[in-house]
Protein backbone atom coordinates (compact mmCIF):
# COMPACT_ATOMS: atom_id res chain seq x y z
CA MET A 1 33.79 -0.85 15.26
CA SER A 2 30.85 -1.95 17.19
CA GLU A 3 27.41 -1.51 15.47
CA PRO A 4 24.92 1.06 16.80
CA VAL A 5 22.88 0.31 19.81
CA PHE A 6 19.52 1.79 20.68
CA GLU A 7 17.64 1.69 24.06
CA THR A 8 13.98 1.24 23.63
CA LYS A 9 11.04 0.68 26.14
CA ASN A 10 11.03 -2.94 25.02
CA GLY A 11 14.78 -3.48 25.36
CA THR A 12 18.05 -2.94 23.86
CA VAL A 13 18.51 -3.25 19.92
CA ARG A 14 21.47 -3.56 17.82
CA GLY A 15 21.42 -2.44 14.19
CA SER A 16 23.86 -2.40 11.34
CA ASP A 17 25.86 0.77 10.48
CA LEU A 18 25.53 1.32 6.68
CA GLY A 19 27.42 4.61 6.69
CA ALA A 20 24.94 7.40 6.67
CA VAL A 21 22.03 5.25 8.00
CA THR A 22 21.72 2.49 10.50
CA ARG A 23 19.48 -0.53 9.59
CA ILE A 24 17.34 -2.33 12.09
CA ALA A 25 16.35 -5.52 10.40
CA ARG A 26 13.53 -7.90 11.61
CA LEU A 27 12.67 -6.35 14.69
CA ARG A 28 9.77 -8.29 15.99
CA TYR A 29 6.60 -6.31 17.00
CA ALA A 30 4.51 -9.33 18.00
CA GLU A 31 4.98 -12.87 19.05
CA PRO A 32 5.49 -15.40 16.09
CA PRO A 33 2.23 -16.32 14.46
CA THR A 34 3.04 -19.76 14.53
CA GLY A 35 1.46 -23.07 15.99
CA PRO A 36 -1.52 -22.16 18.03
CA ARG A 37 -0.96 -18.29 17.18
CA ARG A 38 -1.32 -19.23 13.44
CA PHE A 39 -4.87 -17.89 13.17
CA ALA A 40 -4.96 -15.74 16.35
CA PRO A 41 -5.00 -12.11 16.83
CA PRO A 42 -1.45 -10.70 17.25
CA GLU A 43 0.03 -10.91 20.63
CA PRO A 44 2.44 -7.75 21.40
CA ILE A 45 5.96 -8.73 21.86
CA ALA A 46 7.05 -8.95 25.46
CA PRO A 47 10.20 -6.95 26.57
CA TRP A 48 13.35 -8.86 26.22
CA GLN A 49 16.56 -9.23 28.38
CA GLY A 50 19.80 -8.21 26.97
CA THR A 51 20.70 -6.69 23.41
CA LEU A 52 18.49 -7.97 20.51
CA ASP A 53 20.58 -8.35 17.48
CA CYS A 54 18.87 -6.91 14.49
CA SER A 55 21.86 -6.45 12.26
CA ALA A 56 21.29 -9.03 9.92
CA GLY A 57 21.24 -7.76 6.11
CA HIS A 58 18.02 -9.24 4.97
CA SER A 59 14.45 -9.85 6.28
CA PRO A 60 12.24 -12.54 5.15
CA VAL A 61 8.76 -11.87 3.81
CA PRO A 62 5.49 -13.52 4.95
CA PRO A 63 4.48 -16.72 3.17
CA GLN A 64 3.03 -15.98 -0.32
CA LEU A 65 2.60 -16.93 -4.08
CA GLN A 66 3.98 -15.11 -6.96
CA SER A 67 3.12 -11.39 -7.27
CA ARG A 68 0.61 -10.76 -10.25
CA LEU A 69 2.56 -7.47 -10.93
CA ALA A 70 6.00 -8.65 -11.19
CA LYS A 71 5.57 -8.24 -14.86
CA VAL A 72 5.80 -4.62 -14.48
CA MET A 73 7.52 -4.14 -11.15
CA GLY A 74 10.15 -6.80 -11.50
CA ASP A 75 11.07 -9.55 -9.18
CA TYR A 76 12.72 -8.97 -5.71
CA PRO A 77 13.49 -12.34 -4.45
CA ALA A 78 13.34 -12.97 -0.60
CA ASP A 79 13.17 -15.84 1.79
CA GLN A 80 9.84 -16.46 3.16
CA ASP A 81 8.94 -17.08 6.91
CA GLU A 82 5.73 -17.39 8.79
CA ASP A 83 7.50 -15.81 11.74
CA CYS A 84 6.84 -12.60 9.76
CA LEU A 85 5.57 -9.87 12.25
CA HIS A 86 8.45 -7.73 12.11
CA LEU A 87 9.68 -4.23 11.40
CA ASP A 88 12.65 -3.02 9.14
CA ILE A 89 13.85 0.40 10.11
CA TRP A 90 16.31 2.94 8.73
CA VAL A 91 17.65 5.57 10.96
CA PRO A 92 19.91 8.48 9.77
CA ASN A 93 23.12 8.60 11.64
CA ALA A 94 23.21 12.44 11.53
CA ARG A 95 20.58 13.80 13.83
CA SER A 96 20.48 16.53 16.28
CA GLY A 97 17.17 15.79 17.81
CA PRO A 98 14.14 13.59 17.27
CA LEU A 99 13.44 12.80 13.62
CA PRO A 100 10.12 12.47 11.84
CA VAL A 101 8.99 8.97 11.39
CA LEU A 102 7.54 7.65 8.08
CA VAL A 103 6.04 4.25 8.26
CA PHE A 104 5.28 2.44 5.14
CA ILE A 105 2.54 -0.47 4.63
CA HIS A 106 3.14 -2.37 1.49
CA GLY A 107 0.47 -3.44 -0.99
CA GLY A 108 0.10 -6.49 -2.89
CA ALA A 109 -3.70 -7.30 -2.93
CA PHE A 110 -3.47 -8.39 0.62
CA MET A 111 -1.52 -11.62 -0.44
CA THR A 112 1.99 -10.63 -1.60
CA GLY A 113 4.73 -8.25 -0.74
CA GLY A 114 6.62 -7.53 2.39
CA GLY A 115 8.44 -4.76 4.29
CA GLY A 116 11.75 -6.62 3.82
CA LEU A 117 11.59 -6.63 0.07
CA GLY A 118 14.67 -4.88 -1.65
CA CYS A 119 12.38 -2.57 -3.74
CA TYR A 120 11.14 -1.14 -0.49
CA ASP A 121 14.59 -0.55 1.01
CA GLY A 122 14.60 2.78 3.04
CA THR A 123 18.17 3.61 2.99
CA ALA A 124 18.00 6.39 0.20
CA LEU A 125 14.88 7.91 1.57
CA ALA A 126 16.05 8.01 5.24
CA GLU A 127 19.39 9.65 4.14
CA ARG A 128 18.02 12.10 1.71
CA GLU A 129 15.14 13.38 3.72
CA GLY A 130 16.58 13.05 7.21
CA ILE A 131 13.56 10.96 8.31
CA ILE A 132 13.29 7.43 10.00
CA VAL A 133 11.56 5.05 7.69
CA VAL A 134 9.76 2.01 9.19
CA ASN A 135 8.49 -1.01 6.99
CA ILE A 136 5.86 -3.26 8.31
CA SER A 137 5.41 -6.83 7.30
CA TYR A 138 2.12 -8.47 8.24
CA ARG A 139 -0.05 -11.66 7.44
CA LEU A 140 -1.09 -12.16 3.98
CA GLY A 141 -3.63 -14.34 2.03
CA VAL A 142 -5.36 -17.08 3.96
CA LEU A 143 -3.21 -16.57 7.00
CA GLY A 144 -4.28 -12.83 7.22
CA PHE A 145 -7.32 -12.15 5.33
CA LEU A 146 -9.69 -15.36 5.10
CA PRO A 147 -12.19 -15.70 8.08
CA ILE A 148 -12.84 -19.43 8.77
CA GLU A 149 -15.51 -20.03 11.24
CA GLY A 150 -14.15 -21.57 14.52
CA ILE A 151 -10.64 -21.13 13.43
CA ALA A 152 -9.64 -17.61 12.05
CA PRO A 153 -11.24 -14.28 12.62
CA GLY A 154 -11.13 -11.89 9.82
CA ASN A 155 -8.70 -8.78 9.61
CA LEU A 156 -5.82 -10.56 11.27
CA GLY A 157 -3.66 -8.68 8.63
CA LEU A 158 -5.12 -5.20 9.83
CA MET A 159 -4.69 -6.23 13.45
CA ASP A 160 -1.04 -7.02 12.80
CA GLN A 161 -0.49 -3.56 11.28
CA GLU A 162 -2.16 -1.78 14.23
CA THR A 163 -0.05 -3.67 16.58
CA ALA A 164 3.11 -2.65 14.50
CA LEU A 165 1.97 0.95 14.72
CA ARG A 166 1.48 0.89 18.53
CA PHE A 167 5.00 -0.85 18.86
CA THR A 168 6.46 2.00 16.65
CA ARG A 169 4.74 4.71 18.78
CA ALA A 170 5.90 3.29 22.07
CA ASN A 171 9.64 2.57 20.99
CA ILE A 172 10.69 4.80 18.25
CA ALA A 173 11.86 7.65 20.59
CA GLY A 174 14.73 5.11 21.63
CA MET A 175 15.81 5.05 17.94
CA GLY A 176 15.92 8.80 17.63
CA GLY A 177 12.39 9.24 16.36
CA ASP A 178 9.73 11.76 17.42
CA ALA A 179 6.99 9.72 18.80
CA GLY A 180 4.70 12.70 18.22
CA ASN A 181 5.30 12.86 14.47
CA ILE A 182 4.50 9.57 12.84
CA ILE A 183 3.41 9.54 9.24
CA VAL A 184 1.70 6.36 7.91
CA SER A 185 2.11 5.78 4.26
CA GLY A 186 0.66 2.96 2.20
CA GLN A 187 0.23 1.90 -1.42
CA SER A 188 -2.59 -0.13 -2.87
CA ALA A 189 -3.77 -2.73 -0.18
CA GLY A 190 -1.51 -0.76 2.25
CA ALA A 191 -3.27 2.42 1.45
CA TYR A 192 -6.69 0.84 1.78
CA SER A 193 -5.51 -0.54 5.21
CA ILE A 194 -4.78 2.85 6.44
CA GLN A 195 -8.28 4.08 5.49
CA ALA A 196 -9.84 1.13 7.33
CA MET A 197 -7.79 2.10 10.40
CA LEU A 198 -9.11 5.59 10.04
CA ALA A 199 -12.60 4.22 10.05
CA ARG A 200 -12.10 2.96 13.50
CA ASP A 201 -12.09 5.37 16.64
CA ASP A 202 -8.57 4.73 18.02
CA ALA A 203 -6.46 5.61 14.77
CA SER A 204 -5.21 8.77 16.26
CA ALA A 205 -3.34 6.78 18.83
CA LEU A 206 -1.53 5.07 16.09
CA PHE A 207 -0.17 7.97 13.64
CA ASP A 208 -0.45 11.60 13.12
CA ARG A 209 -0.77 12.08 9.33
CA ALA A 210 -1.20 9.85 6.34
CA VAL A 211 -0.28 9.24 2.70
CA VAL A 212 -2.53 7.20 0.79
CA MET A 213 -1.30 5.91 -2.69
CA SER A 214 -3.54 4.20 -5.17
CA SER A 215 -6.01 2.82 -2.70
CA PRO A 216 -8.74 0.56 -4.23
CA MET A 217 -11.52 2.32 -2.94
CA GLY A 218 -13.96 0.85 -5.36
CA ILE A 219 -13.90 -2.62 -3.69
CA ASP A 220 -17.02 -3.61 -1.79
CA LEU A 221 -16.38 -5.15 1.69
CA LYS A 222 -18.64 -7.85 3.01
CA PRO A 223 -19.27 -9.61 6.27
CA PRO A 224 -17.29 -12.66 7.13
CA ALA A 225 -20.22 -15.03 6.14
CA ALA A 226 -19.67 -14.03 2.53
CA SER A 227 -16.26 -15.79 2.62
CA LYS A 228 -17.81 -19.14 3.83
CA ASP A 229 -17.58 -20.86 0.40
CA ALA A 230 -13.97 -19.74 -0.01
CA ALA A 231 -13.14 -20.86 3.42
CA ASP A 232 -14.84 -24.16 2.90
CA SER A 233 -13.07 -24.80 -0.42
CA PHE A 234 -9.73 -24.01 1.14
CA LEU A 235 -10.40 -26.37 4.07
CA ALA A 236 -11.37 -29.05 1.75
CA GLU A 237 -8.30 -28.67 -0.46
CA LEU A 238 -6.14 -28.50 2.54
CA GLY A 239 -7.52 -31.82 3.90
CA GLU A 240 -5.84 -31.52 7.54
CA ALA A 241 -5.98 -29.32 10.49
CA PRO A 242 -4.92 -25.93 9.32
CA HIS A 243 -3.08 -25.09 12.52
CA THR A 244 -0.60 -27.80 12.00
CA ALA A 245 -0.38 -28.15 8.23
CA SER A 246 2.86 -27.20 6.61
CA ILE A 247 3.11 -23.78 5.13
CA SER A 248 3.78 -25.32 1.66
CA LYS A 249 0.39 -27.11 1.98
CA ILE A 250 -1.18 -23.97 3.15
CA LEU A 251 0.02 -21.92 0.05
CA GLY A 252 -0.90 -25.01 -2.28
CA ALA A 253 -4.38 -24.92 -0.95
CA GLN A 254 -4.42 -21.16 -1.45
CA ALA A 255 -3.35 -21.53 -4.94
CA ALA A 256 -5.97 -24.13 -5.64
CA LEU A 257 -8.59 -21.76 -4.24
CA LEU A 258 -7.39 -18.94 -6.59
CA ARG A 259 -7.46 -21.31 -9.53
CA GLY A 260 -11.17 -22.27 -8.82
CA MET A 261 -12.36 -18.75 -8.67
CA ASP A 262 -14.30 -17.82 -11.78
CA ARG A 263 -13.10 -14.36 -12.72
CA ALA A 264 -13.92 -12.12 -15.88
CA PRO A 265 -10.63 -11.12 -17.58
CA ASP A 266 -11.07 -7.40 -16.40
CA ASP A 267 -11.66 -8.28 -12.83
CA VAL A 268 -8.83 -7.48 -10.68
CA THR A 269 -10.59 -7.44 -7.36
CA PRO A 270 -8.18 -8.95 -4.71
CA SER A 271 -9.23 -12.59 -3.76
CA PHE A 272 -8.61 -11.73 0.03
CA LEU A 273 -10.03 -8.47 1.52
CA PRO A 274 -10.71 -7.10 5.06
CA VAL A 275 -14.27 -7.92 6.25
CA LEU A 276 -17.12 -5.93 8.10
CA ASP A 277 -17.05 -8.12 11.15
CA GLY A 278 -18.72 -5.60 13.34
CA GLU A 279 -16.06 -5.89 15.88
CA TYR A 280 -12.63 -4.84 14.30
CA LEU A 281 -14.24 -3.27 11.39
CA SER A 282 -17.64 -1.88 11.45
CA VAL A 283 -17.57 0.88 8.85
CA ASP A 284 -16.59 0.49 5.19
CA PRO A 285 -13.65 2.91 4.46
CA ALA A 286 -15.60 4.16 1.26
CA ALA A 287 -18.78 4.94 3.12
CA PRO A 288 -19.77 8.54 3.10
CA ASP A 289 -19.29 9.08 6.75
CA ALA A 290 -15.74 7.33 6.86
CA ALA A 291 -13.99 10.41 5.36
CA LYS A 292 -15.77 12.72 7.82
CA HIS A 293 -14.47 10.46 10.72
CA ALA A 294 -10.98 10.76 9.35
CA ALA A 295 -10.99 14.59 8.90
CA TRP A 296 -8.80 14.97 11.81
CA CYS A 297 -5.81 13.33 9.90
CA PRO A 298 -3.76 15.72 7.46
CA MET A 299 -3.58 13.53 4.35
CA ILE A 300 -1.97 13.12 0.91
CA ALA A 301 -4.07 10.93 -1.43
CA GLY A 302 -3.84 10.17 -5.08
CA VAL A 303 -3.73 7.65 -7.89
CA THR A 304 -1.75 6.90 -11.15
CA ARG A 305 -3.38 7.87 -14.41
CA GLU A 306 -3.56 4.27 -15.90
CA GLU A 307 -3.93 2.08 -12.65
CA HIS A 308 -5.32 -0.91 -14.53
CA ALA A 309 -2.71 -0.87 -17.14
CA ALA A 310 -0.32 -2.86 -14.80
CA PHE A 311 -2.88 -5.87 -14.39
CA HIS A 312 -3.44 -6.14 -18.07
CA TYR A 313 0.05 -5.70 -19.56
CA LYS A 314 0.77 -8.83 -21.57
CA ASP A 315 -2.55 -10.26 -20.59
CA GLU A 316 -3.84 -12.06 -23.77
CA ALA A 317 -7.19 -13.20 -22.43
CA PHE A 318 -8.06 -9.57 -21.44
CA HIS A 319 -6.83 -8.03 -24.80
CA ALA A 320 -8.77 -10.87 -26.72
CA GLN A 321 -12.15 -10.22 -24.85
CA ALA A 322 -11.90 -6.39 -24.35
CA SER A 323 -14.19 -5.53 -27.37
CA ALA A 324 -16.78 -8.13 -26.17
CA LEU A 325 -16.64 -6.68 -22.59
CA ILE A 326 -16.67 -2.89 -23.12
CA GLU A 327 -20.36 -2.43 -23.86
CA THR A 328 -21.40 -4.55 -20.90
CA ARG A 329 -19.26 -2.68 -18.44
CA PHE A 330 -20.42 0.83 -19.54
CA THR A 331 -24.02 -0.31 -19.36
CA GLU A 332 -23.40 -1.85 -15.78
CA ARG A 333 -22.15 1.57 -14.64
CA TYR A 334 -24.07 4.05 -16.69
CA GLY A 335 -27.27 2.34 -17.73
CA ALA A 336 -29.07 4.53 -20.44
CA ARG A 337 -26.13 6.87 -20.74
CA ALA A 338 -23.87 4.13 -21.56
CA ALA A 339 -23.40 4.70 -25.41
CA THR A 340 -22.78 8.55 -24.62
CA GLU A 341 -20.26 7.75 -21.92
CA LEU A 342 -18.54 5.21 -23.91
CA ALA A 343 -18.11 7.65 -26.96
CA ARG A 344 -16.81 10.20 -24.47
CA ALA A 345 -14.31 7.78 -23.12
CA ARG A 346 -13.09 6.97 -26.48
CA ARG A 347 -12.54 10.49 -27.41
CA ARG A 348 -10.39 10.94 -24.29
CA ARG A 349 -8.04 8.13 -25.18
CA ILE A 350 -5.55 8.72 -27.81
CA PRO A 351 -4.81 6.57 -29.66
CA THR A 352 -7.94 4.60 -28.95
CA SER A 353 -8.67 0.90 -28.75
CA ASP A 354 -11.24 -0.90 -26.69
CA ALA A 355 -8.50 -2.52 -24.41
CA ALA A 356 -7.14 1.09 -23.50
CA VAL A 357 -10.62 2.44 -22.95
CA LEU A 358 -11.55 -0.68 -20.66
CA ILE A 359 -8.27 0.08 -18.72
CA ASP A 360 -9.37 3.67 -18.18
CA HIS A 361 -12.80 2.48 -17.19
CA GLY A 362 -11.47 -0.10 -14.66
CA SER A 363 -9.05 2.44 -13.35
CA ARG A 364 -11.73 4.91 -12.64
CA GLY A 365 -14.12 2.35 -11.13
CA ARG A 366 -11.34 0.77 -8.79
CA PHE A 367 -9.32 3.62 -7.92
CA VAL A 368 -10.00 7.19 -9.27
CA VAL A 369 -13.60 7.80 -8.44
CA GLY A 370 -13.30 6.41 -4.83
CA THR A 371 -10.15 8.13 -3.98
CA PHE A 372 -11.45 11.56 -5.33
CA ASP A 373 -14.85 11.09 -3.44
CA TYR A 374 -12.95 10.35 -0.41
CA VAL A 375 -10.73 13.66 -0.96
CA GLU A 376 -13.86 15.55 -1.59
CA ALA A 377 -15.51 14.26 1.59
CA LEU A 378 -12.33 15.07 3.59
CA ALA A 379 -12.31 18.54 2.23
CA ALA A 380 -16.01 19.25 2.99
CA ALA A 381 -15.43 18.14 6.47
CA GLU A 382 -12.60 20.60 6.68
CA GLY A 383 -9.91 18.17 6.69
CA GLN A 384 -6.57 19.21 5.28
CA VAL A 385 -5.96 17.12 2.17
CA TRP A 386 -3.36 17.29 -0.86
CA ALA A 387 -4.24 15.30 -3.97
CA TYR A 388 -2.34 14.01 -6.90
CA VAL A 389 -2.46 12.09 -10.13
CA PHE A 390 0.99 10.51 -10.92
CA ALA A 391 1.03 10.68 -14.72
CA TRP A 392 4.63 10.06 -15.41
CA GLN A 393 4.52 7.07 -17.67
CA SER A 394 6.82 4.14 -18.54
CA PRO A 395 8.65 4.41 -21.89
CA THR A 396 6.76 1.19 -22.71
CA PRO A 397 3.45 2.47 -23.94
CA GLU A 398 1.30 -0.56 -22.92
CA ILE A 399 2.59 -0.03 -19.35
CA GLY A 400 1.58 3.71 -19.18
CA ALA A 401 1.28 5.49 -15.83
CA CYS A 402 0.37 2.19 -14.22
CA HIS A 403 -0.36 0.94 -10.67
CA CYS A 404 2.75 1.03 -8.58
CA ILE A 405 4.79 3.20 -11.03
CA GLU A 406 5.12 5.85 -8.28
CA LEU A 407 7.02 3.50 -5.85
CA PRO A 408 10.54 3.87 -7.14
CA PHE A 409 10.16 7.56 -6.82
CA VAL A 410 8.90 7.23 -3.16
CA PHE A 411 11.94 5.17 -1.92
CA GLY A 412 14.52 6.74 -4.44
CA ASN A 413 16.59 3.43 -4.38
CA LEU A 414 16.58 3.43 -8.22
CA ALA A 415 19.50 0.99 -8.65
CA THR A 416 17.26 -1.53 -7.06
CA TRP A 417 14.54 -0.91 -9.48
CA ALA A 418 16.82 -0.89 -12.47
CA ASN A 419 15.50 -4.15 -14.13
CA ALA A 420 11.73 -3.27 -13.54
CA PRO A 421 9.94 -3.42 -16.85
CA MET A 422 8.09 -0.38 -16.21
CA LEU A 423 11.27 1.95 -15.87
CA LYS A 424 13.07 0.23 -18.95
CA GLY A 425 14.31 2.80 -21.38
CA ALA A 426 13.86 5.85 -19.04
CA GLY A 427 16.74 8.35 -18.49
CA GLN A 428 18.63 8.11 -15.40
CA ASP A 429 18.64 12.01 -14.78
CA GLU A 430 14.89 11.91 -15.28
CA LEU A 431 14.39 9.27 -12.86
CA GLU A 432 16.55 10.95 -10.28
CA ALA A 433 14.98 14.26 -10.51
CA LEU A 434 11.54 12.62 -10.15
CA ALA A 435 12.54 10.84 -7.31
CA ARG A 436 14.02 14.04 -5.62
CA MET A 437 10.71 15.83 -6.21
CA PHE A 438 8.21 13.08 -5.22
CA GLY A 439 10.03 11.56 -2.47
CA GLY A 440 10.99 15.07 -1.31
CA ALA A 441 7.54 16.19 -1.21
CA LEU A 442 6.64 13.06 1.11
CA GLY A 443 9.83 14.11 3.22
CA ALA A 444 8.69 17.63 3.54
CA PHE A 445 5.05 16.45 4.63
CA ALA A 446 6.88 14.10 7.13
CA ARG A 447 9.04 17.05 8.57
CA SER A 448 6.71 20.06 8.39
CA GLY A 449 2.92 18.74 7.57
CA ASP A 450 3.19 20.43 4.27
CA PRO A 451 4.31 18.50 0.88
CA ALA A 452 5.41 22.09 -0.30
CA GLY A 453 7.48 22.80 2.84
CA ASN A 454 11.18 24.06 2.57
CA GLY A 455 10.85 25.41 -0.84
CA GLY A 456 9.65 22.11 -2.47
CA VAL A 457 7.10 21.60 -5.13
CA GLU A 458 4.14 24.11 -5.14
CA TRP A 459 1.28 21.94 -4.17
CA PRO A 460 -1.91 23.62 -2.94
CA THR A 461 -4.35 21.77 -0.82
CA PHE A 462 -7.52 20.22 -2.42
CA ASN A 463 -9.35 22.64 -0.22
CA ALA A 464 -8.06 25.48 -2.39
CA ALA A 465 -10.44 25.39 -5.65
CA ARG A 466 -10.34 21.54 -5.52
CA ALA A 467 -6.68 21.66 -6.71
CA TYR A 468 -4.62 18.54 -7.40
CA LEU A 469 -1.09 17.97 -8.45
CA THR A 470 -0.09 16.35 -11.81
CA VAL A 471 3.15 14.72 -11.30
CA ASP A 472 5.13 14.18 -14.41
CA THR A 473 8.27 15.75 -16.07
CA HIS A 474 6.51 19.05 -15.76
CA VAL A 475 4.67 19.24 -12.37
CA SER A 476 1.56 21.49 -12.36
CA ALA A 477 -1.39 21.99 -10.08
CA SER A 478 -4.94 22.07 -11.51
CA GLY A 479 -8.60 22.70 -10.41
CA LEU A 480 -11.28 20.15 -10.89
CA LEU A 481 -14.69 21.25 -12.17
CA PRO A 482 -17.60 20.28 -9.93
CA GLY A 483 -18.77 16.65 -10.95
CA TYR A 484 -15.57 15.79 -12.75
CA TYR A 485 -12.58 13.42 -11.98
CA PRO A 486 -8.97 14.04 -12.96
CA CYS A 487 -8.65 10.97 -15.26
């Protein structure tokens, strides 16, 4: 039996028939970022002649070091390749007309991850929800997010993502998709990337709606000049021309750069970030006017209840120093109110410990406050927004409802996540029901523009009484009092 073939504007593509779904693997959206293109803005892929074979079973991921969150997410081995500017696509074989398109931008602190990782396999989501799933891979670490004067501009990874979205808009109709119904979704760094694109003037040309999961809105973007010391250290460690150095040497110099950074044990700020270069990115996504600028885009946005627990699970240095750090951190944020706020934070945490309270504090500062300030601003600007707190927690108490814990329930590929420490000990029926609910809400949002569509979970907009959804074994909507945050 011949494999499925699609006719796109760029040329003919052959995928692999998986039964209910066809997978298109490693479809390039830009020329390989190698050689003279290593530190250059992405060059859109030229149309090709003949049939491009995208039926290979596995795609590589961009060059990277070990993920710092493998301790909760698990490991998903994949080959690495600098030729990484590609899409992985899953198309339902049963379709009577153009299908909604859900594009996923992975997280990983702008230095790990990849759309081809098994944990992000879109087969189950595409089949269950009747939507096309598209995963983007983009340049990471020093190759994507370290500005180097005279060598590399900042924001190359963001430029890659934009190029991928433009390619998708132009070509997805040839794969059975609705080019006028593209929902971009992202988690962590991927979510922040979406908000960065929304701060620009041309985002409406890229997508139509957005899902923003656990965006680190508490980070502080800086101009490229602030990265000069890091760039100089990287070049000194590399000791040769960065355009021609091997990838192993590039990653070795990156690892040395990271080891040399003096970080407090509770500081989880990504080492590589977008920059305010005044060209590609002029507005901080967390700035007050950024949400107003994005109000045209219907959005789902939310956090997990204990984001920072993922970073500090089995982190001996953090737990050893938590008591010494906690008063300092509360004084930095609250000043004269520090003692009152610390006492209040301790009352909220049962059972209480300095480590648990510091995790809550970090979660609020890095994720919760910024996300819900953004949601408030969207609603005030008459944007349509649905908010949530993902509160289902790991059976392992120290992991809690940590950063990344919603991802298995987005994709529904629970067998792939079976060995993830954050799911260990959970009942299969519970996991499957939660995947149907949460992934189903995203599917409904893709199909109808409403996560409560087609008789799904009752999910009012945030505009209605500042309502947000708590996602747990019992799903409920609550209203926020003015001046308060949900966790």
